[in-house]
Amino acid sequence: MPALCRMSDAQFRRAKKLIRRLCANYDGGNCLPLDDGDTCPCPQMITPTLICKYFRAAVLPSDRELWTEIVGGVHHWKRCVLCGSRFLPRSNRAAYCDGCARQEARRRTRDRVRRYRGRL
């Protein structure tokens, strides 16, 4: 079994926001799978240790930066070619952050269409 990861205070605050917003088992401070007639508080909201398997598997990967900070995933930060900001790549070929990737895709489409129209 892998070691339990601990979060810093800032990471714990971000994790709580994720739980409130995205966790399907969270119901007003209570954990639905642990509810056996009595209300049971969500254990992940109480402790900064990463103990909830559902949170680790389903909720935490939605915030890639937080997931990488806590779990130490296999992803490495890259620098965007256009703006120079740090980003987590979605593949090993990624060269642009999300905002710059959209701009670059539009520029390439524009250039390709211009070349195509020049042939007619």
PDB file of N, CA and C in Angstrom:
ATOM      1  N   MET A   1       0.848  -1.182   0.000  1.00  0.00           N
ATOM      2  CA  MET A   1       0.000   0.000   0.000  1.00  0.00           C
ATOM      3  C   MET A   1       0.893   1.244   0.000  1.00  0.00           C
ATOM      4  N   PRO A   2       0.605   2.226  -0.856  1.00  0.00           N
ATOM      5  CA  PRO A   2       1.435   3.426  -0.909  1.00  0.00           C
ATOM      6  C   PRO A   2       1.290   4.252   0.372  1.00  0.00           C
ATOM      7  N   ALA A   3       2.314   5.019   0.656  1.00  0.00           N
ATOM      8  CA  ALA A   3       2.299   5.868   1.842  1.00  0.00           C
ATOM      9  C   ALA A   3       1.246   6.955   1.703  1.00  0.00           C
ATOM     10  N   LEU A   4       0.669   7.350   2.820  1.00  0.00           N
ATOM     11  CA  LEU A   4      -0.325   8.410   2.811  1.00  0.00           C
ATOM     12  C   LEU A   4       0.368   9.756   2.669  1.00  0.00           C
ATOM     13  N   CYS A   5      -0.101  10.561   1.743  1.00  0.00           N
ATOM     14  CA  CYS A   5       0.497  11.864   1.474  1.00  0.00           C
ATOM     15  C   CYS A   5      -0.128  12.912   2.390  1.00  0.00           C
ATOM     16  N   ARG A   6       0.686  13.847   2.851  1.00  0.00           N
ATOM     17  CA  ARG A   6       0.192  14.958   3.658  1.00  0.00           C
ATOM     18  C   ARG A   6       0.194  16.227   2.816  1.00  0.00           C
ATOM     19  N   MET A   7      -0.800  17.072   3.063  1.00  0.00           N
ATOM     20  CA  MET A   7      -0.934  18.331   2.333  1.00  0.00           C
ATOM     21  C   MET A   7      -0.509  19.492   3.220  1.00  0.00           C
ATOM     22  N   SER A   8       0.010  20.526   2.599  1.00  0.00           N
ATOM     23  CA  SER A   8       0.288  21.759   3.326  1.00  0.00           C
ATOM     24  C   SER A   8      -1.047  22.470   3.568  1.00  0.00           C
ATOM     25  N   ASP A   9      -1.003  23.562   4.326  1.00  0.00           N
ATOM     26  CA  ASP A   9      -2.245  24.280   4.630  1.00  0.00           C
ATOM     27  C   ASP A   9      -2.911  24.827   3.369  1.00  0.00           C
ATOM     28  N   ALA A  10      -2.111  25.389   2.464  1.00  0.00           N
ATOM     29  CA  ALA A  10      -2.672  25.936   1.225  1.00  0.00           C
ATOM     30  C   ALA A  10      -3.264  24.826   0.357  1.00  0.00           C
ATOM     31  N   GLN A  11      -2.581  23.696   0.279  1.00  0.00           N
ATOM     32  CA  GLN A  11      -3.096  22.566  -0.491  1.00  0.00           C
ATOM     33  C   GLN A  11      -4.370  22.027   0.142  1.00  0.00           C
ATOM     34  N   PHE A  12      -4.415  21.981   1.462  1.00  0.00           N
ATOM     35  CA  PHE A  12      -5.591  21.490   2.179  1.00  0.00           C
ATOM     36  C   PHE A  12      -6.802  22.378   1.900  1.00  0.00           C
ATOM     37  N   ARG A  13      -6.595  23.693   1.870  1.00  0.00           N
ATOM     38  CA  ARG A  13      -7.690  24.617   1.552  1.00  0.00           C
ATOM     39  C   ARG A  13      -8.201  24.388   0.132  1.00  0.00           C
ATOM     40  N   ARG A  14      -7.279  24.208  -0.818  1.00  0.00           N
ATOM     41  CA  ARG A  14      -7.688  23.936  -2.206  1.00  0.00           C
ATOM     42  C   ARG A  14      -8.421  22.606  -2.313  1.00  0.00           C
ATOM     43  N   ALA A  15      -7.977  21.612  -1.552  1.00  0.00           N
ATOM     44  CA  ALA A  15      -8.628  20.303  -1.561  1.00  0.00           C
ATOM     45  C   ALA A  15     -10.043  20.401  -0.997  1.00  0.00           C
ATOM     46  N   LYS A  16     -10.235  21.193   0.049  1.00  0.00           N
ATOM     47  CA  LYS A  16     -11.572  21.368   0.623  1.00  0.00           C
ATOM     48  C   LYS A  16     -12.521  22.004  -0.388  1.00  0.00           C
ATOM     49  N   LYS A  17     -12.016  22.974  -1.135  1.00  0.00           N
ATOM     50  CA  LYS A  17     -12.847  23.600  -2.171  1.00  0.00           C
ATOM     51  C   LYS A  17     -13.244  22.586  -3.234  1.00  0.00           C
ATOM     52  N   LEU A  18     -12.290  21.737  -3.618  1.00  0.00           N
ATOM     53  CA  LEU A  18     -12.591  20.686  -4.593  1.00  0.00           C
ATOM     54  C   LEU A  18     -13.644  19.724  -4.065  1.00  0.00           C
ATOM     55  N   ILE A  19     -13.522  19.341  -2.809  1.00  0.00           N
ATOM     56  CA  ILE A  19     -14.478  18.409  -2.222  1.00  0.00           C
ATOM     57  C   ILE A  19     -15.874  19.015  -2.227  1.00  0.00           C
ATOM     58  N   ARG A  20     -15.996  20.255  -1.775  1.00  0.00           N
ATOM     59  CA  ARG A  20     -17.312  20.902  -1.737  1.00  0.00           C
ATOM     60  C   ARG A  20     -17.918  21.028  -3.131  1.00  0.00           C
ATOM     61  N   ARG A  21     -17.075  21.262  -4.129  1.00  0.00           N
ATOM     62  CA  ARG A  21     -17.569  21.515  -5.476  1.00  0.00           C
ATOM     63  C   ARG A  21     -17.796  20.243  -6.284  1.00  0.00           C
ATOM     64  N   LEU A  22     -16.913  19.230  -6.160  1.00  0.00           N
ATOM     65  CA  LEU A  22     -16.937  18.114  -7.093  1.00  0.00           C
ATOM     66  C   LEU A  22     -17.208  16.734  -6.497  1.00  0.00           C
ATOM     67  N   CYS A  23     -17.040  16.556  -5.208  1.00  0.00           N
ATOM     68  CA  CYS A  23     -17.145  15.215  -4.632  1.00  0.00           C
ATOM     69  C   CYS A  23     -18.604  14.754  -4.606  1.00  0.00           C
ATOM     70  N   ALA A  24     -18.864  13.606  -5.205  1.00  0.00           N
ATOM     71  CA  ALA A  24     -20.219  13.058  -5.249  1.00  0.00           C
ATOM     72  C   ALA A  24     -20.635  12.474  -3.910  1.00  0.00           C
ATOM     73  N   ASN A  25     -19.687  12.169  -3.045  1.00  0.00           N
ATOM     74  CA  ASN A  25     -19.992  11.587  -1.739  1.00  0.00           C
ATOM     75  C   ASN A  25     -20.171  12.632  -0.654  1.00  0.00           C
ATOM     76  N   TYR A  26     -19.925  13.891  -0.951  1.00  0.00           N
ATOM     77  CA  TYR A  26     -20.017  14.964   0.032  1.00  0.00           C
ATOM     78  C   TYR A  26     -21.424  15.525   0.041  1.00  0.00           C
ATOM     79  N   ASP A  27     -22.037  15.572   1.222  1.00  0.00           N
ATOM     80  CA  ASP A  27     -23.396  16.096   1.344  1.00  0.00           C
ATOM     81  C   ASP A  27     -23.473  16.996   2.565  1.00  0.00           C
ATOM     82  N   GLY A  28     -23.188  18.271   2.373  1.00  0.00           N
ATOM     83  CA  GLY A  28     -23.313  19.239   3.457  1.00  0.00           C
ATOM     84  C   GLY A  28     -22.415  18.941   4.653  1.00  0.00           C
ATOM     85  N   GLY A  29     -21.216  18.494   4.419  1.00  0.00           N
ATOM     86  CA  GLY A  29     -20.292  18.203   5.500  1.00  0.00           C
ATOM     87  C   GLY A  29     -20.240  16.735   5.875  1.00  0.00           C
ATOM     88  N   ASN A  30     -21.164  15.943   5.368  1.00  0.00           N
ATOM     89  CA  ASN A  30     -21.225  14.527   5.708  1.00  0.00           C
ATOM     90  C   ASN A  30     -20.760  13.669   4.537  1.00  0.00           C
ATOM     91  N   CYS A  31     -20.277  12.483   4.862  1.00  0.00           N
ATOM     92  CA  CYS A  31     -19.822  11.538   3.854  1.00  0.00           C
ATOM     93  C   CYS A  31     -20.902  10.478   3.659  1.00  0.00           C
ATOM     94  N   LEU A  32     -21.444  10.390   2.458  1.00  0.00           N
ATOM     95  CA  LEU A  32     -22.546   9.460   2.198  1.00  0.00           C
ATOM     96  C   LEU A  32     -22.175   7.988   2.344  1.00  0.00           C
ATOM     97  N   PRO A  33     -21.009   7.514   1.860  1.00  0.00           N
ATOM     98  CA  PRO A  33     -20.691   6.090   2.035  1.00  0.00           C
ATOM     99  C   PRO A  33     -20.518   5.671   3.496  1.00  0.00           C
ATOM    100  N   LEU A  34     -20.131   6.603   4.348  1.00  0.00           N
ATOM    101  CA  LEU A  34     -19.935   6.272   5.757  1.00  0.00           C
ATOM    102  C   LEU A  34     -21.212   6.432   6.579  1.00  0.00           C
ATOM    103  N   ASP A  35     -22.277   6.908   5.957  1.00  0.00           N
ATOM    104  CA  ASP A  35     -23.544   7.151   6.650  1.00  0.00           C
ATOM    105  C   ASP A  35     -24.281   5.824   6.841  1.00  0.00           C
ATOM    106  N   ASP A  36     -24.391   5.387   8.094  1.00  0.00           N
ATOM    107  CA  ASP A  36     -25.111   4.155   8.397  1.00  0.00           C
ATOM    108  C   ASP A  36     -26.316   4.427   9.301  1.00  0.00           C
ATOM    109  N   GLY A  37     -26.948   5.535   9.103  1.00  0.00           N
ATOM    110  CA  GLY A  37     -28.067   5.944   9.935  1.00  0.00           C
ATOM    111  C   GLY A  37     -27.711   7.189  10.721  1.00  0.00           C
ATOM    112  N   ASP A  38     -26.496   7.246  11.209  1.00  0.00           N
ATOM    113  CA  ASP A  38     -25.987   8.445  11.873  1.00  0.00           C
ATOM    114  C   ASP A  38     -25.148   9.222  10.868  1.00  0.00           C
ATOM    115  N   THR A  39     -25.171  10.520  11.004  1.00  0.00           N
ATOM    116  CA  THR A  39     -24.361  11.326  10.100  1.00  0.00           C
ATOM    117  C   THR A  39     -22.897  11.200  10.499  1.00  0.00           C
ATOM    118  N   CYS A  40     -22.047  11.099   9.510  1.00  0.00           N
ATOM    119  CA  CYS A  40     -20.608  10.964   9.732  1.00  0.00           C
ATOM    120  C   CYS A  40     -19.907  12.055   8.928  1.00  0.00           C
ATOM    121  N   PRO A  41     -19.080  12.866   9.576  1.00  0.00           N
ATOM    122  CA  PRO A  41     -18.404  13.923   8.824  1.00  0.00           C
ATOM    123  C   PRO A  41     -17.427  13.342   7.809  1.00  0.00           C
ATOM    124  N   CYS A  42     -17.232  14.076   6.740  1.00  0.00           N
ATOM    125  CA  CYS A  42     -16.311  13.655   5.687  1.00  0.00           C
ATOM    126  C   CYS A  42     -14.894  13.631   6.259  1.00  0.00           C
ATOM    127  N   PRO A  43     -14.222  12.482   6.249  1.00  0.00           N
ATOM    128  CA  PRO A  43     -12.883  12.408   6.845  1.00  0.00           C
ATOM    129  C   PRO A  43     -11.842  13.232   6.091  1.00  0.00           C
ATOM    130  N   GLN A  44     -12.024  13.426   4.791  1.00  0.00           N
ATOM    131  CA  GLN A  44     -11.050  14.192   4.018  1.00  0.00           C
ATOM    132  C   GLN A  44     -11.138  15.678   4.335  1.00  0.00           C
ATOM    133  N   MET A  45     -12.298  16.143   4.831  1.00  0.00           N
ATOM    134  CA  MET A  45     -12.442  17.550   5.204  1.00  0.00           C
ATOM    135  C   MET A  45     -11.814  17.831   6.565  1.00  0.00           C
ATOM    136  N   ILE A  46     -11.553  16.780   7.334  1.00  0.00           N
ATOM    137  CA  ILE A  46     -11.045  16.950   8.688  1.00  0.00           C
ATOM    138  C   ILE A  46      -9.522  16.917   8.735  1.00  0.00           C
ATOM    139  N   THR A  47      -8.919  16.056   7.970  1.00  0.00           N
ATOM    140  CA  THR A  47      -7.474  15.841   8.069  1.00  0.00           C
ATOM    141  C   THR A  47      -6.744  16.206   6.779  1.00  0.00           C
ATOM    142  N   PRO A  48      -5.546  16.774   6.890  1.00  0.00           N
ATOM    143  CA  PRO A  48      -4.762  17.088   5.689  1.00  0.00           C
ATOM    144  C   PRO A  48      -4.037  15.880   5.093  1.00  0.00           C
ATOM    145  N   THR A  49      -4.245  14.705   5.677  1.00  0.00           N
ATOM    146  CA  THR A  49      -3.663  13.488   5.124  1.00  0.00           C
ATOM    147  C   THR A  49      -4.592  12.950   4.053  1.00  0.00           C
ATOM    148  N   LEU A  50      -4.040  12.510   2.962  1.00  0.00           N
ATOM    149  CA  LEU A  50      -4.832  12.018   1.832  1.00  0.00           C
ATOM    150  C   LEU A  50      -5.319  10.602   2.152  1.00  0.00           C
ATOM    151  N   ILE A  51      -6.554  10.488   2.723  1.00  0.00           N
ATOM    152  CA  ILE A  51      -7.040   9.188   3.173  1.00  0.00           C
ATOM    153  C   ILE A  51      -8.225   8.662   2.374  1.00  0.00           C
ATOM    154  N   CYS A  52      -8.976   9.516   1.728  1.00  0.00           N
ATOM    155  CA  CYS A  52     -10.178   9.091   1.018  1.00  0.00           C
ATOM    156  C   CYS A  52      -9.808   8.574  -0.385  1.00  0.00           C
ATOM    157  N   LYS A  53     -10.114   7.317  -0.633  1.00  0.00           N
ATOM    158  CA  LYS A  53      -9.772   6.710  -1.923  1.00  0.00           C
ATOM    159  C   LYS A  53     -10.563   7.345  -3.067  1.00  0.00           C
ATOM    160  N   TYR A  54     -11.830   7.671  -2.823  1.00  0.00           N
ATOM    161  CA  TYR A  54     -12.643   8.295  -3.869  1.00  0.00           C
ATOM    162  C   TYR A  54     -12.090   9.670  -4.222  1.00  0.00           C
ATOM    163  N   PHE A  55     -11.719  10.447  -3.210  1.00  0.00           N
ATOM    164  CA  PHE A  55     -11.147  11.761  -3.463  1.00  0.00           C
ATOM    165  C   PHE A  55      -9.860  11.641  -4.271  1.00  0.00           C
ATOM    166  N   ARG A  56      -8.998  10.690  -3.902  1.00  0.00           N
ATOM    167  CA  ARG A  56      -7.716  10.502  -4.588  1.00  0.00           C
ATOM    168  C   ARG A  56      -7.919  10.060  -6.033  1.00  0.00           C
ATOM    169  N   ALA A  57      -8.916   9.205  -6.277  1.00  0.00           N
ATOM    170  CA  ALA A  57      -9.092   8.636  -7.614  1.00  0.00           C
ATOM    171  C   ALA A  57      -9.963   9.486  -8.531  1.00  0.00           C
ATOM    172  N   ALA A  58     -10.983  10.149  -7.997  1.00  0.00           N
ATOM    173  CA  ALA A  58     -11.957  10.819  -8.862  1.00  0.00           C
ATOM    174  C   ALA A  58     -11.946  12.335  -8.773  1.00  0.00           C
ATOM    175  N   VAL A  59     -11.698  12.899  -7.621  1.00  0.00           N
ATOM    176  CA  VAL A  59     -11.824  14.350  -7.444  1.00  0.00           C
ATOM    177  C   VAL A  59     -10.482  15.056  -7.640  1.00  0.00           C
ATOM    178  N   LEU A  60      -9.442  14.552  -7.021  1.00  0.00           N
ATOM    179  CA  LEU A  60      -8.140  15.216  -7.071  1.00  0.00           C
ATOM    180  C   LEU A  60      -7.554  15.339  -8.479  1.00  0.00           C
ATOM    181  N   PRO A  61      -7.691  14.350  -9.369  1.00  0.00           N
ATOM    182  CA  PRO A  61      -7.129  14.520 -10.721  1.00  0.00           C
ATOM    183  C   PRO A  61      -7.763  15.638 -11.538  1.00  0.00           C
ATOM    184  N   SER A  62      -8.914  16.151 -11.114  1.00  0.00           N
ATOM    185  CA  SER A  62      -9.528  17.251 -11.860  1.00  0.00           C
ATOM    186  C   SER A  62      -8.726  18.543 -11.726  1.00  0.00           C
ATOM    187  N   ASP A  63      -7.966  18.697 -10.657  1.00  0.00           N
ATOM    188  CA  ASP A  63      -7.056  19.834 -10.502  1.00  0.00           C
ATOM    189  C   ASP A  63      -5.642  19.293 -10.688  1.00  0.00           C
ATOM    190  N   ARG A  64      -5.136  19.359 -11.905  1.00  0.00           N
ATOM    191  CA  ARG A  64      -3.856  18.719 -12.245  1.00  0.00           C
ATOM    192  C   ARG A  64      -2.684  19.290 -11.454  1.00  0.00           C
ATOM    193  N   GLU A  65      -2.692  20.584 -11.211  1.00  0.00           N
ATOM    194  CA  GLU A  65      -1.588  21.191 -10.475  1.00  0.00           C
ATOM    195  C   GLU A  65      -1.550  20.686  -9.037  1.00  0.00           C
ATOM    196  N   LEU A  66      -2.706  20.687  -8.386  1.00  0.00           N
ATOM    197  CA  LEU A  66      -2.771  20.211  -7.009  1.00  0.00           C
ATOM    198  C   LEU A  66      -2.420  18.730  -6.938  1.00  0.00           C
ATOM    199  N   TRP A  67      -2.899  17.957  -7.887  1.00  0.00           N
ATOM    200  CA  TRP A  67      -2.606  16.523  -7.924  1.00  0.00           C
ATOM    201  C   TRP A  67      -1.100  16.281  -8.041  1.00  0.00           C
ATOM    202  N   THR A  68      -0.440  17.045  -8.904  1.00  0.00           N
ATOM    203  CA  THR A  68       0.994  16.886  -9.076  1.00  0.00           C
ATOM    204  C   THR A  68       1.752  17.301  -7.819  1.00  0.00           C
ATOM    205  N   GLU A  69       1.298  18.371  -7.162  1.00  0.00           N
ATOM    206  CA  GLU A  69       1.960  18.827  -5.937  1.00  0.00           C
ATOM    207  C   GLU A  69       1.829  17.793  -4.820  1.00  0.00           C
ATOM    208  N   ILE A  70       0.654  17.215  -4.672  1.00  0.00           N
ATOM    209  CA  ILE A  70       0.408  16.307  -3.550  1.00  0.00           C
ATOM    210  C   ILE A  70       0.954  14.915  -3.826  1.00  0.00           C
ATOM    211  N   VAL A  71       0.535  14.323  -4.922  1.00  0.00           N
ATOM    212  CA  VAL A  71       0.874  12.937  -5.208  1.00  0.00           C
ATOM    213  C   VAL A  71       2.248  12.832  -5.852  1.00  0.00           C
ATOM    214  N   GLY A  72       2.688  13.882  -6.496  1.00  0.00           N
ATOM    215  CA  GLY A  72       3.984  13.833  -7.177  1.00  0.00           C
ATOM    216  C   GLY A  72       3.915  12.948  -8.394  1.00  0.00           C
ATOM    217  N   GLY A  73       2.930  13.229  -9.236  1.00  0.00           N
ATOM    218  CA  GLY A  73       2.706  12.424 -10.427  1.00  0.00           C
ATOM    219  C   GLY A  73       3.900  12.432 -11.367  1.00  0.00           C
ATOM    220  N   VAL A  74       3.759  11.715 -12.459  1.00  0.00           N
ATOM    221  CA  VAL A  74       4.846  11.568 -13.416  1.00  0.00           C
ATOM    222  C   VAL A  74       4.981  12.779 -14.327  1.00  0.00           C
ATOM    223  N   HIS A  75       4.077  13.716 -14.223  1.00  0.00           N
ATOM    224  CA  HIS A  75       4.121  14.893 -15.093  1.00  0.00           C
ATOM    225  C   HIS A  75       5.157  15.884 -14.589  1.00  0.00           C
ATOM    226  N   HIS A  76       5.817  16.522 -15.522  1.00  0.00           N
ATOM    227  CA  HIS A  76       6.801  17.539 -15.196  1.00  0.00           C
ATOM    228  C   HIS A  76       6.338  18.863 -15.798  1.00  0.00           C
ATOM    229  N   TRP A  77       6.679  19.928 -15.130  1.00  0.00           N
ATOM    230  CA  TRP A  77       6.316  21.249 -15.618  1.00  0.00           C
ATOM    231  C   TRP A  77       7.107  21.555 -16.883  1.00  0.00           C
ATOM    232  N   LYS A  78       6.477  22.289 -17.795  1.00  0.00           N
ATOM    233  CA  LYS A  78       7.148  22.788 -18.992  1.00  0.00           C
ATOM    234  C   LYS A  78       6.938  24.288 -19.079  1.00  0.00           C
ATOM    235  N   ARG A  79       7.755  24.928 -19.909  1.00  0.00           N
ATOM    236  CA  ARG A  79       7.602  26.357 -20.180  1.00  0.00           C
ATOM    237  C   ARG A  79       6.934  26.538 -21.533  1.00  0.00           C
ATOM    238  N   CYS A  80       5.974  27.443 -21.598  1.00  0.00           N
ATOM    239  CA  CYS A  80       5.285  27.741 -22.852  1.00  0.00           C
ATOM    240  C   CYS A  80       6.265  28.438 -23.807  1.00  0.00           C
ATOM    241  N   VAL A  81       6.233  28.043 -25.061  1.00  0.00           N
ATOM    242  CA  VAL A  81       7.136  28.603 -26.060  1.00  0.00           C
ATOM    243  C   VAL A  81       6.809  30.073 -26.331  1.00  0.00           C
ATOM    244  N   LEU A  82       5.519  30.432 -26.295  1.00  0.00           N
ATOM    245  CA  LEU A  82       5.123  31.802 -26.625  1.00  0.00           C
ATOM    246  C   LEU A  82       5.238  32.759 -25.446  1.00  0.00           C
ATOM    247  N   CYS A  83       4.593  32.419 -24.314  1.00  0.00           N
ATOM    248  CA  CYS A  83       4.546  33.377 -23.208  1.00  0.00           C
ATOM    249  C   CYS A  83       5.548  33.079 -22.099  1.00  0.00           C
ATOM    250  N   GLY A  84       6.096  31.879 -22.045  1.00  0.00           N
ATOM    251  CA  GLY A  84       7.100  31.542 -21.049  1.00  0.00           C
ATOM    252  C   GLY A  84       6.551  31.113 -19.698  1.00  0.00           C
ATOM    253  N   SER A  85       5.227  31.002 -19.561  1.00  0.00           N
ATOM    254  CA  SER A  85       4.663  30.593 -18.280  1.00  0.00           C
ATOM    255  C   SER A  85       4.774  29.083 -18.097  1.00  0.00           C
ATOM    256  N   ARG A  86       4.750  28.645 -16.841  1.00  0.00           N
ATOM    257  CA  ARG A  86       4.823  27.212 -16.547  1.00  0.00           C
ATOM    258  C   ARG A  86       3.455  26.581 -16.732  1.00  0.00           C
ATOM    259  N   PHE A  87       3.430  25.337 -17.238  1.00  0.00           N
ATOM    260  CA  PHE A  87       2.172  24.611 -17.383  1.00  0.00           C
ATOM    261  C   PHE A  87       2.437  23.124 -17.308  1.00  0.00           C
ATOM    262  N   LEU A  88       1.400  22.370 -16.994  1.00  0.00           N
ATOM    263  CA  LEU A  88       1.492  20.911 -16.971  1.00  0.00           C
ATOM    264  C   LEU A  88       1.048  20.394 -18.325  1.00  0.00           C
ATOM    265  N   PRO A  89       1.917  19.730 -19.054  1.00  0.00           N
ATOM    266  CA  PRO A  89       1.540  19.265 -20.398  1.00  0.00           C
ATOM    267  C   PRO A  89       0.576  18.093 -20.335  1.00  0.00           C
ATOM    268  N   ARG A  90      -0.316  18.019 -21.309  1.00  0.00           N
ATOM    269  CA  ARG A  90      -1.240  16.900 -21.414  1.00  0.00           C
ATOM    270  C   ARG A  90      -0.618  15.750 -22.202  1.00  0.00           C
ATOM    271  N   SER A  91       0.461  16.029 -22.919  1.00  0.00           N
ATOM    272  CA  SER A  91       1.182  14.989 -23.653  1.00  0.00           C
ATOM    273  C   SER A  91       2.658  15.375 -23.680  1.00  0.00           C
ATOM    274  N   ASN A  92       3.488  14.479 -24.188  1.00  0.00           N
ATOM    275  CA  ASN A  92       4.913  14.777 -24.220  1.00  0.00           C
ATOM    276  C   ASN A  92       5.270  15.740 -25.356  1.00  0.00           C
ATOM    277  N   ARG A  93       4.333  16.009 -26.264  1.00  0.00           N
ATOM    278  CA  ARG A  93       4.599  16.924 -27.375  1.00  0.00           C
ATOM    279  C   ARG A  93       4.110  18.342 -27.111  1.00  0.00           C
ATOM    280  N   ALA A  94       3.437  18.587 -26.008  1.00  0.00           N
ATOM    281  CA  ALA A  94       2.864  19.902 -25.735  1.00  0.00           C
ATOM    282  C   ALA A  94       3.965  20.950 -25.628  1.00  0.00           C
ATOM    283  N   ALA A  95       3.754  22.070 -26.310  1.00  0.00           N
ATOM    284  CA  ALA A  95       4.739  23.148 -26.278  1.00  0.00           C
ATOM    285  C   ALA A  95       4.125  24.457 -25.800  1.00  0.00           C
ATOM    286  N   TYR A  96       2.795  24.521 -25.709  1.00  0.00           N
ATOM    287  CA  TYR A  96       2.108  25.754 -25.369  1.00  0.00           C
ATOM    288  C   TYR A  96       1.173  25.538 -24.180  1.00  0.00           C
ATOM    289  N   CYS A  97       0.982  26.586 -23.382  1.00  0.00           N
ATOM    290  CA  CYS A  97      -0.016  26.536 -22.316  1.00  0.00           C
ATOM    291  C   CYS A  97      -1.407  26.572 -22.966  1.00  0.00           C
ATOM    292  N   ASP A  98      -2.465  26.398 -22.181  1.00  0.00           N
ATOM    293  CA  ASP A  98      -3.811  26.292 -22.745  1.00  0.00           C
ATOM    294  C   ASP A  98      -4.218  27.541 -23.535  1.00  0.00           C
ATOM    295  N   GLY A  99      -3.963  28.709 -22.989  1.00  0.00           N
ATOM    296  CA  GLY A  99      -4.336  29.943 -23.686  1.00  0.00           C
ATOM    297  C   GLY A  99      -3.561  30.135 -24.978  1.00  0.00           C
ATOM    298  N   CYS A 100      -2.274  29.917 -24.930  1.00  0.00           N
ATOM    299  CA  CYS A 100      -1.440  30.081 -26.115  1.00  0.00           C
ATOM    300  C   CYS A 100      -1.706  28.980 -27.140  1.00  0.00           C
ATOM    301  N   ALA A 101      -2.097  27.795 -26.692  1.00  0.00           N
ATOM    302  CA  ALA A 101      -2.399  26.701 -27.617  1.00  0.00           C
ATOM    303  C   ALA A 101      -3.589  27.065 -28.487  1.00  0.00           C
ATOM    304  N   ARG A 102      -4.607  27.684 -27.900  1.00  0.00           N
ATOM    305  CA  ARG A 102      -5.768  28.125 -28.687  1.00  0.00           C
ATOM    306  C   ARG A 102      -5.364  29.189 -29.706  1.00  0.00           C
ATOM    307  N   GLN A 103      -4.544  30.148 -29.269  1.00  0.00           N
ATOM    308  CA  GLN A 103      -4.077  31.191 -30.189  1.00  0.00           C
ATOM    309  C   GLN A 103      -3.255  30.596 -31.322  1.00  0.00           C
ATOM    310  N   GLU A 104      -2.375  29.684 -31.002  1.00  0.00           N
ATOM    311  CA  GLU A 104      -1.512  29.074 -32.015  1.00  0.00           C
ATOM    312  C   GLU A 104      -2.320  28.228 -32.990  1.00  0.00           C
ATOM    313  N   ALA A 105      -3.341  27.527 -32.498  1.00  0.00           N
ATOM    314  CA  ALA A 105      -4.195  26.730 -33.381  1.00  0.00           C
ATOM    315  C   ALA A 105      -4.950  27.640 -34.349  1.00  0.00           C
ATOM    316  N   ARG A 106      -5.435  28.762 -33.863  1.00  0.00           N
ATOM    317  CA  ARG A 106      -6.126  29.717 -34.743  1.00  0.00           C
ATOM    318  C   ARG A 106      -5.174  30.288 -35.783  1.00  0.00           C
ATOM    319  N   ARG A 107      -3.953  30.601 -35.362  1.00  0.00           N
ATOM    320  CA  ARG A 107      -2.973  31.150 -36.307  1.00  0.00           C
ATOM    321  C   ARG A 107      -2.638  30.132 -37.398  1.00  0.00           C
ATOM    322  N   ARG A 108      -2.438  28.882 -37.002  1.00  0.00           N
ATOM    323  CA  ARG A 108      -2.133  27.843 -37.991  1.00  0.00           C
ATOM    324  C   ARG A 108      -3.291  27.619 -38.949  1.00  0.00           C
ATOM    325  N   THR A 109      -4.512  27.614 -38.420  1.00  0.00           N
ATOM    326  CA  THR A 109      -5.689  27.458 -39.280  1.00  0.00           C
ATOM    327  C   THR A 109      -5.788  28.621 -40.257  1.00  0.00           C
ATOM    328  N   ARG A 110      -5.565  29.824 -39.756  1.00  0.00           N
ATOM    329  CA  ARG A 110      -5.620  31.014 -40.610  1.00  0.00           C
ATOM    330  C   ARG A 110      -4.590  30.925 -41.732  1.00  0.00           C
ATOM    331  N   ASP A 111      -3.371  30.532 -41.410  1.00  0.00           N
ATOM    332  CA  ASP A 111      -2.316  30.413 -42.422  1.00  0.00           C
ATOM    333  C   ASP A 111      -2.635  29.319 -43.443  1.00  0.00           C
ATOM    334  N   ARG A 112      -3.158  28.186 -42.954  1.00  0.00           N
ATOM    335  CA  ARG A 112      -3.489  27.077 -43.858  1.00  0.00           C
ATOM    336  C   ARG A 112      -4.606  27.480 -44.821  1.00  0.00           C
ATOM    337  N   VAL A 113      -5.618  28.169 -44.308  1.00  0.00           N
ATOM    338  CA  VAL A 113      -6.716  28.607 -45.170  1.00  0.00           C
ATOM    339  C   VAL A 113      -6.224  29.641 -46.176  1.00  0.00           C
ATOM    340  N   ARG A 114      -5.348  30.522 -45.765  1.00  0.00           N
ATOM    341  CA  ARG A 114      -4.797  31.529 -46.688  1.00  0.00           C
ATOM    342  C   ARG A 114      -4.000  30.847 -47.816  1.00  0.00           C
ATOM    343  N   ARG A 115      -3.211  29.828 -47.469  1.00  0.00           N
ATOM    344  CA  ARG A 115      -2.452  29.108 -48.493  1.00  0.00           C
ATOM    345  C   ARG A 115      -3.399  28.379 -49.445  1.00  0.00           C
ATOM    346  N   TYR A 116      -4.459  27.799 -48.933  1.00  0.00           N
ATOM    347  CA  TYR A 116      -5.417  27.072 -49.754  1.00  0.00           C
ATOM    348  C   TYR A 116      -6.135  28.026 -50.712  1.00  0.00           C
ATOM    349  N   ARG A 117      -6.528  29.163 -50.207  1.00  0.00           N
ATOM    350  CA  ARG A 117      -7.231  30.143 -51.052  1.00  0.00           C
ATOM    351  C   ARG A 117      -6.315  30.707 -52.127  1.00  0.00           C
ATOM    352  N   GLY A 118      -5.036  30.734 -51.881  1.00  0.00           N
ATOM    353  CA  GLY A 118      -4.081  31.241 -52.867  1.00  0.00           C
ATOM    354  C   GLY A 118      -3.935  30.320 -54.063  1.00  0.00           C
ATOM    355  N   ARG A 119      -4.316  29.033 -53.890  1.00  0.00           N
ATOM    356  CA  ARG A 119      -4.187  28.072 -54.983  1.00  0.00           C
ATOM    357  C   ARG A 119      -5.318  28.190 -55.991  1.00  0.00           C
ATOM    358  N   LEU A 120      -6.426  28.697 -55.598  1.00  0.00           N
ATOM    359  CA  LEU A 120      -7.590  28.739 -56.499  1.00  0.00           C
ATOM    360  C   LEU A 120      -7.449  29.763 -57.600  1.00  0.00           C
TER     361      LEU A 120
END
